[in-house]
Amino acid sequence: MKKMLPGVGVFGNTTAMRCYVPVLKSCGFDVVALWARTTEEAKEMSNELGIETYTTDVDKVLLHKDVDLVVISCPPHQQAHIAAKALGIGKHVLCSSPSGPRSRDTLPMVNASRYYPRLMSLMCHGLRFLPSIIKLRSLIRDGYIGDITICEVKVHYNHRLRHTFDWMCDELMGGGVLNMYGGMMVDILSYMTGQKATRVQGMLKTYTKQTEFVKGIREITSDDFCSFHMEMDKGACATVTLNGHLAGQFQQEIIIVGTKGRLALRGADLYGQKSDRPKEDLLNFDPVNYKDIESLGIPEKVRGEIPTPYMKGIVHMMESVKDAFEQVAERQGWNADPLDPAATFEDCFYVQTVLDTIRAASKARQSIKVVLSDTEPEPNPFLSTAMRRSTFSLH
């Protein structure tokens, strides 16, 4: 008898969620409940995606009798607490990026994943499941380019803000190209090369501070251009440029240079060139099959807003999530093998720490060491300091 896939509860009214839900349904998951910030948003999304139960109450989704898997794609400052609460009551969790405005904001979900290791607690970093990325990583491990020396990443796109002021306009709430795309680039570089950042430099700029719709006393503080450099723990270095001011089609190029050659990922296609070869070779061609994407039920507007490599990666990831659940007979059981490429909450904490350090380096205009610290900040540092300095006893 074939095992029934877990029921899914979704949190958020984002473009990403409008991609996740049709893909989950095409994989055979039953999406039974959704949460959104307002009743209007929840009702609109419910009608659009065909989800029966909608609410503005987090607990109503988490405690739904048919929900065993929770998928989260909310404003960054809300995600960690929902994820931690879901894990605490025995639900599996998939969380979208960015996971929080700062690394300290992700600590509740990181700690919960450590406390409940048998539950699925993964990030929706679809690029890790892209066939070209998997092949690139395998070629690096097999010594195709020798020892890694230099990594170059360029992301060009047109950064479009909404008609109302929201978290994407506010740097403190997690908006900006560094958090949106920089985090995924930090993660994928670490995944492909097996190296982590030890020291970073960075420059963040906000060139569009007001728009036709966001003006007056409101000002945009989220970065729309970012360039940063990373020194890696095994000798490589990386330079990443994120430019949100190029109109036209989304472009992404990742180049990994080694002592014996180079590998280049352009979009979803992989190219390689040995140092002794006159030209590069196409190693993996991954064309866009629009009929396949349409058959998943992803709305045309969503297909226009999510870059194709990311959308393809999410499809592959959700298929792996399905395989993970189907391979174990128990209702909430799952097999981790199909999801071996997936980013964990620990990976997410590393990424957010690197992003925090890049911001600090940009403000200080100097290179800063990356230090991972999962100590919870004091809720009231001034009171705590006063109490530590006081000479009286509480007993």
Protein backbone atom coordinates (compact mmCIF):
# COMPACT_ATOMS: atom_id res chain seq x y z
CA MET A 1 0.00 0.00 0.00
CA LYS A 2 1.39 3.38 -1.02
CA LYS A 3 2.02 5.78 1.85
CA MET A 4 -0.03 8.99 1.88
CA LEU A 5 2.09 12.12 1.77
CA PRO A 6 1.80 14.50 4.75
CA GLY A 7 -0.70 17.32 4.63
CA VAL A 8 0.87 20.75 4.17
CA GLY A 9 0.24 24.06 5.91
CA VAL A 10 1.74 27.18 4.31
CA PHE A 11 2.66 30.53 5.80
CA GLY A 12 3.01 33.65 3.70
CA ASN A 13 1.62 35.56 0.76
CA THR A 14 4.81 35.86 -1.28
CA THR A 15 5.69 35.22 -4.91
CA ALA A 16 7.79 32.27 -3.76
CA MET A 17 4.79 30.72 -2.02
CA ARG A 18 2.76 31.05 -5.22
CA CYS A 19 5.44 28.87 -6.80
CA TYR A 20 5.74 26.38 -3.92
CA VAL A 21 2.04 25.53 -3.67
CA PRO A 22 1.46 24.46 -7.31
CA VAL A 23 4.72 22.45 -7.26
CA LEU A 24 3.75 20.73 -4.00
CA LYS A 25 0.35 19.87 -5.43
CA SER A 26 1.90 18.51 -8.64
CA CYS A 27 4.07 16.26 -6.46
CA GLY A 28 0.96 14.85 -4.77
CA PHE A 29 0.92 16.84 -1.53
CA ASP A 30 -2.40 18.06 -0.18
CA VAL A 31 -2.09 21.73 0.82
CA VAL A 32 -4.83 21.99 3.42
CA ALA A 33 -4.35 25.33 5.18
CA LEU A 34 -2.69 28.71 4.72
CA TRP A 35 -1.82 31.72 6.86
CA ALA A 36 -1.44 35.32 5.71
CA ARG A 37 -1.02 38.60 7.53
CA THR A 38 -4.50 39.95 6.76
CA THR A 39 -7.84 38.28 6.07
CA GLU A 40 -7.97 39.91 2.62
CA GLU A 41 -4.57 38.51 1.65
CA ALA A 42 -5.46 35.06 3.01
CA LYS A 43 -8.78 34.92 1.18
CA GLU A 44 -7.28 36.11 -2.11
CA MET A 45 -4.50 33.51 -1.96
CA SER A 46 -6.95 30.79 -0.92
CA ASN A 47 -9.11 31.45 -3.98
CA GLU A 48 -6.11 31.77 -6.28
CA LEU A 49 -4.38 28.55 -5.21
CA GLY A 50 -7.39 26.45 -4.23
CA ILE A 51 -6.69 26.02 -0.52
CA GLU A 52 -9.79 25.39 1.59
CA THR A 53 -8.72 26.69 5.01
CA TYR A 54 -7.27 30.18 5.38
CA THR A 55 -6.61 32.24 8.50
CA THR A 56 -4.60 35.01 10.15
CA ASP A 57 -4.07 32.85 13.24
CA VAL A 58 -0.73 31.00 13.21
CA ASP A 59 -1.95 28.33 15.63
CA LYS A 60 -4.96 27.46 13.49
CA VAL A 61 -2.60 26.20 10.76
CA LEU A 62 -0.04 24.62 13.09
CA LEU A 63 -2.70 22.72 15.06
CA HIS A 64 -4.69 21.62 11.99
CA LYS A 65 -5.19 17.86 12.35
CA ASP A 66 -4.05 17.15 8.77
CA VAL A 67 -0.93 19.34 8.76
CA ASP A 68 2.35 17.46 9.28
CA LEU A 69 4.59 19.59 7.02
CA VAL A 70 4.89 23.36 7.30
CA VAL A 71 6.25 25.55 4.49
CA ILE A 72 7.17 29.12 5.43
CA SER A 73 7.72 32.13 3.17
CA CYS A 74 6.95 35.23 5.23
CA PRO A 75 8.69 38.55 5.89
CA PRO A 76 12.10 37.55 7.35
CA HIS A 77 11.44 38.82 10.88
CA GLN A 78 8.47 36.41 11.26
CA GLN A 79 9.91 33.18 9.91
CA ALA A 80 12.15 31.88 12.71
CA HIS A 81 9.47 32.04 15.40
CA ILE A 82 6.92 30.20 13.26
CA ALA A 83 9.53 27.57 12.37
CA ALA A 84 10.57 27.08 16.01
CA LYS A 85 6.93 26.79 17.13
CA ALA A 86 6.17 24.26 14.37
CA LEU A 87 9.13 22.07 15.30
CA GLY A 88 8.14 22.31 18.96
CA ILE A 89 4.79 20.63 18.27
CA GLY A 90 6.22 17.95 15.99
CA LYS A 91 5.81 19.41 12.49
CA HIS A 92 8.35 19.13 9.68
CA VAL A 93 9.51 22.53 8.38
CA LEU A 94 10.70 23.93 5.06
CA CYS A 95 11.72 27.59 5.31
CA SER A 96 12.24 30.07 2.50
CA SER A 97 15.15 32.50 2.21
CA PRO A 98 15.97 34.98 3.69
CA SER A 99 15.41 33.33 7.06
CA GLY A 100 15.78 36.52 9.09
CA PRO A 101 17.03 40.09 9.05
CA ARG A 102 20.12 39.10 11.10
CA SER A 103 21.78 35.92 12.31
CA ARG A 104 20.50 36.38 15.87
CA ASP A 105 16.93 36.34 14.51
CA THR A 106 17.45 32.82 13.18
CA LEU A 107 18.57 31.37 16.53
CA PRO A 108 15.08 30.19 17.65
CA MET A 109 14.73 27.96 14.59
CA VAL A 110 18.37 26.78 14.75
CA ASN A 111 18.02 25.79 18.40
CA ALA A 112 14.68 24.06 17.74
CA SER A 113 16.22 22.03 14.90
CA ARG A 114 18.98 20.88 17.25
CA TYR A 115 16.42 19.89 19.88
CA TYR A 116 14.25 17.94 17.41
CA PRO A 117 16.81 16.35 15.02
CA ARG A 118 14.36 13.70 13.75
CA LEU A 119 12.10 16.32 12.23
CA MET A 120 12.76 17.75 8.78
CA SER A 121 14.14 21.29 9.16
CA LEU A 122 15.49 22.49 5.83
CA MET A 123 15.89 25.68 3.80
CA CYS A 124 14.29 26.04 0.37
CA HIS A 125 17.57 26.72 -1.43
CA GLY A 126 16.59 25.22 -4.77
CA LEU A 127 19.91 25.93 -6.49
CA ARG A 128 21.49 23.06 -4.52
CA PHE A 129 19.19 20.65 -6.42
CA LEU A 130 19.88 22.08 -9.87
CA PRO A 131 21.43 19.29 -12.03
CA SER A 132 24.23 21.58 -13.23
CA ILE A 133 25.14 22.52 -9.64
CA ILE A 134 25.22 18.86 -8.60
CA LYS A 135 27.45 18.04 -11.59
CA LEU A 136 29.70 21.05 -10.91
CA ARG A 137 30.19 19.98 -7.31
CA SER A 138 30.99 16.43 -8.39
CA LEU A 139 33.55 17.64 -10.95
CA ILE A 140 35.27 19.78 -8.31
CA ARG A 141 35.51 16.76 -5.99
CA ASP A 142 36.90 14.65 -8.84
CA GLY A 143 39.68 17.19 -9.42
CA TYR A 144 38.47 18.55 -12.78
CA ILE A 145 39.85 22.04 -12.00
CA GLY A 146 42.45 21.05 -9.40
CA ASP A 147 42.71 23.18 -6.26
CA ILE A 148 40.18 26.02 -6.15
CA THR A 149 41.72 29.49 -6.25
CA ILE A 150 39.11 32.06 -7.31
CA CYS A 151 35.30 32.21 -7.33
CA GLU A 152 33.45 34.96 -9.22
CA VAL A 153 29.71 35.57 -9.05
CA LYS A 154 27.67 38.14 -10.97
CA VAL A 155 23.92 38.60 -10.59
CA HIS A 156 22.21 41.20 -12.79
CA TYR A 157 18.49 41.97 -12.65
CA ASN A 158 15.94 44.75 -12.35
CA HIS A 159 15.10 45.31 -8.67
CA ARG A 160 11.39 46.19 -8.64
CA LEU A 161 9.82 47.44 -5.40
CA ARG A 162 6.14 47.14 -4.62
CA HIS A 163 3.68 50.00 -4.63
CA THR A 164 3.58 50.08 -0.84
CA PHE A 165 6.32 50.34 1.78
CA ASP A 166 7.03 46.86 3.15
CA TRP A 167 9.92 44.78 4.52
CA MET A 168 11.66 44.72 1.14
CA CYS A 169 12.18 48.48 1.43
CA ASP A 170 13.66 48.30 4.95
CA GLU A 171 17.22 47.11 5.60
CA LEU A 172 16.48 46.45 9.29
CA MET A 173 13.55 44.16 8.38
CA GLY A 174 15.66 42.04 6.02
CA GLY A 175 15.19 43.77 2.68
CA GLY A 176 17.89 44.33 0.10
CA VAL A 177 19.80 42.43 -2.57
CA LEU A 178 22.39 41.15 -0.08
CA ASN A 179 19.74 39.32 1.94
CA MET A 180 17.68 38.23 -1.08
CA TYR A 181 20.41 36.97 -3.41
CA GLY A 182 23.67 37.37 -1.47
CA GLY A 183 22.64 34.76 1.07
CA MET A 184 21.94 32.19 -1.64
CA MET A 185 25.30 32.95 -3.28
CA VAL A 186 27.17 32.55 0.02
CA ASP A 187 25.36 29.25 0.56
CA ILE A 188 25.91 27.85 -2.92
CA LEU A 189 29.61 28.78 -2.96
CA SER A 190 30.09 26.98 0.35
CA TYR A 191 28.13 23.96 -0.92
CA MET A 192 30.02 23.68 -4.21
CA THR A 193 33.55 24.32 -2.95
CA GLY A 194 33.37 22.79 0.54
CA GLN A 195 34.93 26.00 1.90
CA LYS A 196 33.59 28.60 4.30
CA ALA A 197 34.27 32.32 4.63
CA THR A 198 36.74 33.38 7.30
CA ARG A 199 37.09 37.09 6.49
CA VAL A 200 35.00 39.47 4.37
CA GLN A 201 34.93 42.95 2.87
CA GLY A 202 31.82 44.57 1.46
CA MET A 203 30.11 47.60 -0.01
CA LEU A 204 26.35 48.12 0.10
CA LYS A 205 24.58 50.97 -1.70
CA THR A 206 21.01 52.25 -1.83
CA TYR A 207 20.65 54.26 -5.03
CA THR A 208 16.85 54.26 -5.21
CA LYS A 209 15.72 55.86 -1.95
CA GLN A 210 12.27 56.97 -3.06
CA THR A 211 9.88 56.01 -5.83
CA GLU A 212 6.60 57.26 -7.26
CA PHE A 213 4.81 55.20 -4.59
CA VAL A 214 7.29 55.32 -1.70
CA LYS A 215 8.02 58.96 -0.93
CA GLY A 216 7.42 61.73 1.57
CA ILE A 217 8.48 60.77 5.09
CA ARG A 218 9.17 57.20 3.91
CA GLU A 219 12.63 56.39 2.60
CA ILE A 220 13.97 53.11 1.23
CA THR A 221 16.97 51.85 3.22
CA SER A 222 17.43 48.39 1.67
CA ASP A 223 20.47 47.99 -0.59
CA ASP A 224 19.96 47.69 -4.37
CA PHE A 225 23.65 47.20 -5.20
CA CYS A 226 26.20 45.11 -3.34
CA SER A 227 29.74 43.90 -3.89
CA PHE A 228 31.64 41.76 -1.41
CA HIS A 229 34.79 39.67 -1.14
CA MET A 230 35.36 36.55 0.95
CA GLU A 231 38.53 34.80 2.03
CA MET A 232 37.82 31.08 2.37
CA ASP A 233 39.18 28.64 4.94
CA LYS A 234 41.09 26.47 2.43
CA GLY A 235 42.86 29.24 0.54
CA ALA A 236 40.33 30.28 -2.10
CA CYS A 237 38.84 33.75 -2.44
CA ALA A 238 35.45 34.83 -3.77
CA THR A 239 34.10 38.05 -5.21
CA VAL A 240 30.34 38.59 -5.61
CA THR A 241 28.54 41.44 -7.40
CA LEU A 242 24.78 41.88 -7.05
CA ASN A 243 23.41 44.59 -9.33
CA GLY A 244 19.71 45.39 -9.14
CA HIS A 245 19.82 48.19 -11.73
CA LEU A 246 19.95 46.29 -15.04
CA ALA A 247 16.68 46.23 -16.92
CA GLY A 248 15.90 43.14 -18.93
CA GLN A 249 16.29 39.43 -18.35
CA PHE A 250 17.73 38.07 -15.11
CA GLN A 251 21.36 37.02 -15.56
CA GLN A 252 23.49 34.95 -13.21
CA GLU A 253 27.01 33.65 -13.74
CA ILE A 254 29.14 31.65 -11.29
CA ILE A 255 32.76 30.94 -12.23
CA ILE A 256 35.02 28.62 -10.22
CA VAL A 257 38.71 28.81 -11.18
CA GLY A 258 41.27 26.19 -10.15
CA THR A 259 44.87 25.27 -10.80
CA LYS A 260 43.86 22.97 -13.71
CA GLY A 261 40.97 24.83 -15.31
CA ARG A 262 37.62 26.46 -14.65
CA LEU A 263 33.91 25.74 -14.43
CA ALA A 264 31.21 28.27 -15.30
CA LEU A 265 27.50 28.13 -14.54
CA ARG A 266 25.49 30.51 -16.72
CA GLY A 267 21.83 30.37 -15.86
CA ALA A 268 21.18 26.63 -15.52
CA ASP A 269 23.85 25.51 -18.02
CA LEU A 270 27.32 24.30 -17.05
CA TYR A 271 30.51 24.93 -19.02
CA GLY A 272 34.05 23.79 -18.32
CA GLN A 273 37.52 24.39 -19.70
CA LYS A 274 40.79 22.69 -18.85
CA SER A 275 43.89 24.90 -18.78
CA ASP A 276 45.42 22.99 -21.72
CA ARG A 277 42.28 23.23 -23.90
CA PRO A 278 41.73 26.08 -26.43
CA LYS A 279 38.01 26.50 -25.71
CA GLU A 280 35.37 25.60 -23.15
CA ASP A 281 33.01 22.64 -23.38
CA LEU A 282 29.29 22.45 -22.63
CA LEU A 283 29.11 19.95 -19.77
CA ASN A 284 25.43 20.11 -18.91
CA PHE A 285 22.66 21.71 -20.97
CA ASP A 286 19.46 22.40 -19.05
CA PRO A 287 17.05 24.22 -21.39
CA VAL A 288 13.84 25.85 -20.27
CA ASN A 289 10.84 23.66 -21.08
CA TYR A 290 7.97 26.10 -20.80
CA LYS A 291 5.34 23.39 -21.34
CA ASP A 292 6.64 21.48 -18.32
CA ILE A 293 6.61 24.61 -16.16
CA GLU A 294 3.09 25.48 -17.33
CA SER A 295 1.92 21.95 -16.56
CA LEU A 296 2.89 22.45 -12.91
CA GLY A 297 0.26 25.17 -12.62
CA ILE A 298 2.66 28.00 -11.73
CA PRO A 299 0.95 31.29 -12.73
CA GLU A 300 2.51 33.22 -15.62
CA LYS A 301 3.13 36.28 -13.42
CA VAL A 302 5.07 34.16 -10.92
CA ARG A 303 7.12 32.60 -13.73
CA GLY A 304 8.09 36.11 -14.77
CA GLU A 305 9.24 37.14 -11.29
CA ILE A 306 11.22 34.07 -10.19
CA PRO A 307 14.45 33.41 -12.14
CA THR A 308 14.30 30.12 -14.08
CA PRO A 309 17.30 28.44 -12.34
CA TYR A 310 15.70 29.04 -8.93
CA MET A 311 12.31 27.78 -10.10
CA LYS A 312 13.84 24.64 -11.61
CA GLY A 313 15.77 24.01 -8.42
CA ILE A 314 12.63 24.28 -6.30
CA VAL A 315 10.84 21.75 -8.52
CA HIS A 316 13.72 19.28 -8.09
CA MET A 317 13.79 19.91 -4.34
CA MET A 318 10.06 19.33 -3.84
CA GLU A 319 10.32 16.11 -5.83
CA SER A 320 13.08 15.03 -3.44
CA VAL A 321 10.89 15.95 -0.46
CA LYS A 322 8.20 13.68 -1.89
CA ASP A 323 10.73 10.84 -2.29
CA ALA A 324 11.95 11.36 1.28
CA PHE A 325 8.47 10.84 2.72
CA GLU A 326 7.45 7.99 0.41
CA GLN A 327 10.47 5.87 1.34
CA VAL A 328 9.38 5.51 5.00
CA ALA A 329 6.13 3.79 5.97
CA GLU A 330 5.50 5.71 9.21
CA ARG A 331 3.17 8.68 8.91
CA GLN A 332 5.75 11.28 9.98
CA GLY A 333 8.82 9.29 9.00
CA TRP A 334 11.19 10.41 6.25
CA ASN A 335 14.44 9.30 4.64
CA ALA A 336 17.18 11.93 4.62
CA ASP A 337 19.06 10.46 1.62
CA PRO A 338 17.03 12.12 -1.19
CA LEU A 339 17.50 15.46 0.59
CA ASP A 340 21.23 15.15 1.13
CA PRO A 341 21.98 18.31 -0.95
CA ALA A 342 19.53 20.44 1.08
CA ALA A 343 20.63 23.36 3.25
CA THR A 344 19.95 22.90 6.96
CA PHE A 345 19.09 25.55 9.55
CA GLU A 346 22.74 25.32 10.67
CA ASP A 347 23.77 26.29 7.11
CA CYS A 348 21.28 29.14 7.27
CA PHE A 349 22.85 30.42 10.50
CA TYR A 350 26.31 30.39 8.89
CA VAL A 351 24.98 32.31 5.87
CA GLN A 352 23.25 34.96 7.98
CA THR A 353 26.41 35.38 10.08
CA VAL A 354 28.45 36.02 6.93
CA LEU A 355 25.86 38.56 5.73
CA ASP A 356 25.97 40.34 9.12
CA THR A 357 29.75 40.55 8.83
CA ILE A 358 29.53 41.94 5.29
CA ARG A 359 27.22 44.70 6.51
CA ALA A 360 29.57 45.50 9.37
CA ALA A 361 32.54 45.53 6.96
CA SER A 362 30.68 47.92 4.65
CA LYS A 363 30.01 50.35 7.50
CA ALA A 364 33.55 50.08 8.86
CA ARG A 365 35.09 50.14 5.34
CA GLN A 366 37.51 47.41 6.26
CA SER A 367 38.00 43.65 6.25
CA ILE A 368 36.34 41.85 9.20
CA LYS A 369 36.74 38.29 10.48
CA VAL A 370 33.66 36.01 10.37
CA VAL A 371 32.88 34.71 13.87
CA LEU A 372 30.05 32.22 14.43
CA SER A 373 28.41 32.76 17.81
CA ASP A 374 25.09 31.14 18.70
CA THR A 375 24.79 32.84 22.10
CA GLU A 376 21.40 34.45 22.58
CA PRO A 377 21.68 38.24 23.04
CA GLU A 378 20.70 39.70 26.41
CA PRO A 379 17.02 40.83 26.30
CA ASN A 380 17.93 43.93 28.34
CA PRO A 381 21.70 44.49 28.19
CA PHE A 382 21.60 47.66 30.29
CA LEU A 383 19.73 46.00 33.14
CA SER A 384 21.91 42.89 32.89
CA THR A 385 25.08 44.98 33.13
CA ALA A 386 23.72 46.88 36.12
CA MET A 387 22.77 43.65 37.87
CA ARG A 388 26.20 42.15 37.26
CA ARG A 389 27.91 45.23 38.69
CA SER A 390 25.65 45.55 41.73
CA THR A 391 26.90 44.43 45.14
CA PHE A 392 23.57 43.47 46.71
CA SER A 393 22.22 39.93 46.80
CA LEU A 394 18.88 38.79 45.42
CA HIS A 395 18.55 36.16 48.17
